[in-house]
Amino acid sequence: MSLRRVGIRGVNLHMPASRVRVDNTIGEADPDDYDGLLSPGGFISRDLLRQSAPAREFVRFRHE
């Protein structure tokens, strides 16, 4: 799951890793379909999620 439909690319230290396919976006996902939530590590990824209203709503729904 991602904020956007484009592929996700991780980073291993400072070297870009392989790109992976996005199954659905946060806007398309149903929080009831998930048993858990794993927040990505790093600085930029978490900042982007905190700034996203749909991501905050998804987490808020899962937390209730």
C-alpha atoms as a PDB file:
ATOM      1  CA  MET A   1       0.000   0.000   0.000  1.00  0.00           C
ATOM      2  CA  SER A   2       1.259   3.469  -0.806  1.00  0.00           C
ATOM      3  CA  LEU A   3       0.113   7.056  -1.065  1.00  0.00           C
ATOM      4  CA  ARG A   4       0.462   6.869  -4.861  1.00  0.00           C
ATOM      5  CA  ARG A   5       0.146   4.170  -7.516  1.00  0.00           C
ATOM      6  CA  VAL A   6       3.812   4.416  -8.633  1.00  0.00           C
ATOM      7  CA  GLY A   7       6.242   1.692  -7.550  1.00  0.00           C
ATOM      8  CA  ILE A   8       7.975   1.889  -4.187  1.00  0.00           C
ATOM      9  CA  ARG A   9      11.748   1.896  -3.969  1.00  0.00           C
ATOM     10  CA  GLY A  10      13.599   1.185  -0.769  1.00  0.00           C
ATOM     11  CA  VAL A  11      17.105   2.263   0.108  1.00  0.00           C
ATOM     12  CA  ASN A  12      19.843   0.078   1.556  1.00  0.00           C
ATOM     13  CA  LEU A  13      22.033   2.554   3.421  1.00  0.00           C
ATOM     14  CA  HIS A  14      22.541   5.042   0.585  1.00  0.00           C
ATOM     15  CA  MET A  15      22.093   2.687  -2.358  1.00  0.00           C
ATOM     16  CA  PRO A  16      18.671   2.482  -4.071  1.00  0.00           C
ATOM     17  CA  ALA A  17      17.078  -0.962  -3.900  1.00  0.00           C
ATOM     18  CA  SER A  18      14.721  -2.644  -6.353  1.00  0.00           C
ATOM     19  CA  ARG A  19      11.376  -1.091  -7.126  1.00  0.00           C
ATOM     20  CA  VAL A  20       8.290  -3.031  -5.995  1.00  0.00           C
ATOM     21  CA  ARG A  21       4.725  -2.918  -7.325  1.00  0.00           C
ATOM     22  CA  VAL A  22       1.987  -1.122  -5.370  1.00  0.00           C
ATOM     23  CA  ASP A  23      -1.122  -3.291  -4.874  1.00  0.00           C
ATOM     24  CA  ASN A  24      -3.377  -0.391  -3.866  1.00  0.00           C
ATOM     25  CA  THR A  25      -3.245   3.113  -2.494  1.00  0.00           C
ATOM     26  CA  ILE A  26      -4.296   4.206   0.972  1.00  0.00           C
ATOM     27  CA  GLY A  27      -7.409   5.748  -0.575  1.00  0.00           C
ATOM     28  CA  GLU A  28      -8.360   2.401  -2.148  1.00  0.00           C
ATOM     29  CA  ALA A  29      -7.568   0.245   0.898  1.00  0.00           C
ATOM     30  CA  ASP A  30     -10.123  -0.852   3.463  1.00  0.00           C
ATOM     31  CA  PRO A  31      -8.629  -0.776   6.991  1.00  0.00           C
ATOM     32  CA  ASP A  32     -10.823  -3.766   7.931  1.00  0.00           C
ATOM     33  CA  ASP A  33      -8.824  -5.906   5.478  1.00  0.00           C
ATOM     34  CA  TYR A  34      -5.633  -5.552   7.552  1.00  0.00           C
ATOM     35  CA  ASP A  35      -4.668  -7.217  10.824  1.00  0.00           C
ATOM     36  CA  GLY A  36      -1.723  -4.915  11.470  1.00  0.00           C
ATOM     37  CA  LEU A  37       0.112  -1.837  10.307  1.00  0.00           C
ATOM     38  CA  LEU A  38       3.863  -1.505   9.824  1.00  0.00           C
ATOM     39  CA  SER A  39       5.195   2.016   9.511  1.00  0.00           C
ATOM     40  CA  PRO A  40       8.262   2.395   7.272  1.00  0.00           C
ATOM     41  CA  GLY A  41      11.564   3.373   8.788  1.00  0.00           C
ATOM     42  CA  GLY A  42      13.604   6.379   7.849  1.00  0.00           C
ATOM     43  CA  PHE A  43      12.948  10.070   8.049  1.00  0.00           C
ATOM     44  CA  ILE A  44      11.326  11.113   4.769  1.00  0.00           C
ATOM     45  CA  SER A  45       8.834   8.215   4.491  1.00  0.00           C
ATOM     46  CA  ARG A  46       7.340   8.868   7.906  1.00  0.00           C
ATOM     47  CA  ASP A  47       7.194  12.601   7.319  1.00  0.00           C
ATOM     48  CA  LEU A  48       5.264  12.114   4.077  1.00  0.00           C
ATOM     49  CA  LEU A  49       2.803   9.809   5.853  1.00  0.00           C
ATOM     50  CA  ARG A  50       2.286  12.259   8.729  1.00  0.00           C
ATOM     51  CA  GLN A  51       1.497  15.014   6.221  1.00  0.00           C
ATOM     52  CA  SER A  52      -1.053  12.875   4.350  1.00  0.00           C
ATOM     53  CA  ALA A  53      -4.664  13.263   5.539  1.00  0.00           C
ATOM     54  CA  PRO A  54      -5.709   9.886   4.021  1.00  0.00           C
ATOM     55  CA  ALA A  55      -2.804   8.121   5.781  1.00  0.00           C
ATOM     56  CA  ARG A  56      -3.651   9.725   9.121  1.00  0.00           C
ATOM     57  CA  GLU A  57      -7.300   8.729   8.717  1.00  0.00           C
ATOM     58  CA  PHE A  58      -6.335   5.149   7.835  1.00  0.00           C
ATOM     59  CA  VAL A  59      -4.168   4.876  10.963  1.00  0.00           C
ATOM     60  CA  ARG A  60      -6.812   6.545  13.118  1.00  0.00           C
ATOM     61  CA  PHE A  61      -9.429   4.047  11.890  1.00  0.00           C
ATOM     62  CA  ARG A  62      -7.117   1.074  12.635  1.00  0.00           C
ATOM     63  CA  HIS A  63      -6.355   2.396  16.098  1.00  0.00           C
ATOM     64  CA  GLU A  64      -9.997   2.569  17.252  1.00  0.00           C
END
